[in-house]
Amino acid sequence: MSADPLALANDRTFFGHPRGLSTLFFTEMWERFSYYGIRALLILYMTAAVDRHGMGMSVALAGVIYGLYTSCAYVFALPAGWMADRFLGHQRSVILGGLLIAAGNFGLMLPAMGTFVGSLLLMAIGTGFLKTSCTTLVGFLYGQHDNRRDSGFTLYYVGINIGAGLAPLICGYVGQTIDYRYAFGLAGLFMLAGLIQFQVTRGYLGAAGREPAKATPADRRILSIGSAALAVALAVLFLMRVALDKVADGFAALLLIAVVVTFGGLILSKDFTTVEKKRIYVILVLFVASALFWSIFEQAGSTLNLFADRSTDNHFFGFAFPSSWYQSLNSGFIYVLGPVLAWLWIRMGDRDPSLVTKFAIGLLGAGAGFVVMVFAAHAAGDGGRVSPLWLTGVYLIHTVGELCLSPVGLSAITKLAPARIAGLTMGVWFLSISVGNFFAGRMASFYESMPLDRLVGYAGGLGIAVGLVLLLISRPVTRLMGGVK
């Protein structure tokens, strides 16, 4: 359910945007603090020796777990979006998600392996609920032809990066200099702060996403069967102590099935008009580009994190700093470049590059960043340490690519999606990020068994090649969008 279009069109309280954007801005900011606080430390915590408050895992196993967690954090967006549409409403879904995330954060403070895995699962499910609904609510704040939408999503993107930028600095320092588990608890406290803020200010959202659409008997059957199947699957995995690398192989197959079934169902469905069906084809193209982009970009928390810790001289003018701090560079660059691009998209007017062209630029940026990493890997050699400027350059290039693809993609999905499946379609977008995160983790598991220059070179070359293909097909794909810009 959207808010009153006329009231929102006249509401310019929050930097020219509806006041409800500030509610979502700060909620997502603290959720991202929690997520990126965990992300900055997770692979370092798993691979650190036990006497250094770590878990003593191999990089190969840690990469598998990292990929599973970050992938699940987005794959659950698909069922969570559907449940918000049909049963919960998006406002209640935000609250449920935040509570699950906080519970998982606190659970990570316990040292047992079973509790560790269970806590990661809770956080992944919670992220699916909160992030999908929060983003969908942003779309509800703007009318279909409100030209503030792209700018609003970019501002929202800058806002959540405040949390993402602070998290590695605060949680990274606590985790790497005091104890990882204290950092996890701190992330949980900030998630609770975000929930309190949402509850206090949710009145600014009005009716947007407050009530779900009416669920059908078929919807209730799907929910019952799906919930039972998930519970049985989890029970089998825990009781039979299935090896995590085998779980990852099975999860990869499930991801492929989810993509095929989701898009097959949307494309074959007779419930959509011709225009809507063409837009679904566009979403499929964007899905592929997004998955590849995130498979490169999301190695920030795995491959690049390990390179920062093991192969980079972490000193600045004589000041030693934790290796996790590099992950704040992305957000720092977004603070500077995000408002510039938000202004630029509006300023260019009719000369604004097409959506597909922006996605192509994003992929070219991701690939170019890893080309730089090839040279950084050569400079480090075997056991050497390189200047912090190498990683700084990689994060700068990746940030430009991210700003051309991610906030624009969020905005595009809210415009291309049929209104009656807005939450489900946002879940499809996050499914692409899930696929990318999964492969980012699997690639990181080869960090010690494959030369780094070859590992990042393959990924960077693929990103550049697909980016060039997108440039070539941008016009015909744009025509399929039926007037959406």
Foldseek 3Di string as FASTA:
>chain_A
DFDDAVVQLPALPPVGGFPLLVLLLLLLQLLLLLVLLCLLCQLVQACDDVVQQHNNDALLQSLLLQLVLQLLLQLLLQVLLVCLQAPAFLLRLQLQLLVLLLVLLLQCLDDDPVSPSVSSNSNSNSSSRNVLSSLLLLLSSHDLPPPCLLLSLLVSVLSSLVSSLVNCVVSVCCPNPPNNSVSSNVSSVSSVVSSVSSVVPVVSSPPRRRDHDHHDPVNVVCVVVVVVVVVVVVVCCVVVVDDSVVVLVVVLVVLVVVLCVVLVCLLPDPPDDQLLNLLSVLLVLLLQLLLLLLLLVVLCSFLVLVCLQQAADQADPRRHDGSSSLSSLLSVLSNVCSNVVSVVQVVCVVNRDDLLLLSLQLLLLSLVLLLLVLVVLVVSDPRHHDYPVSSSVSSNSNSSSCSSRPSSVSSSLSNSHDPSSSSNSSSSSSSSSSSSSSSSSSLSSCSPVDRSSVSSNVSSVVSNVVSVVSVVCVVVSSVSNPPRD
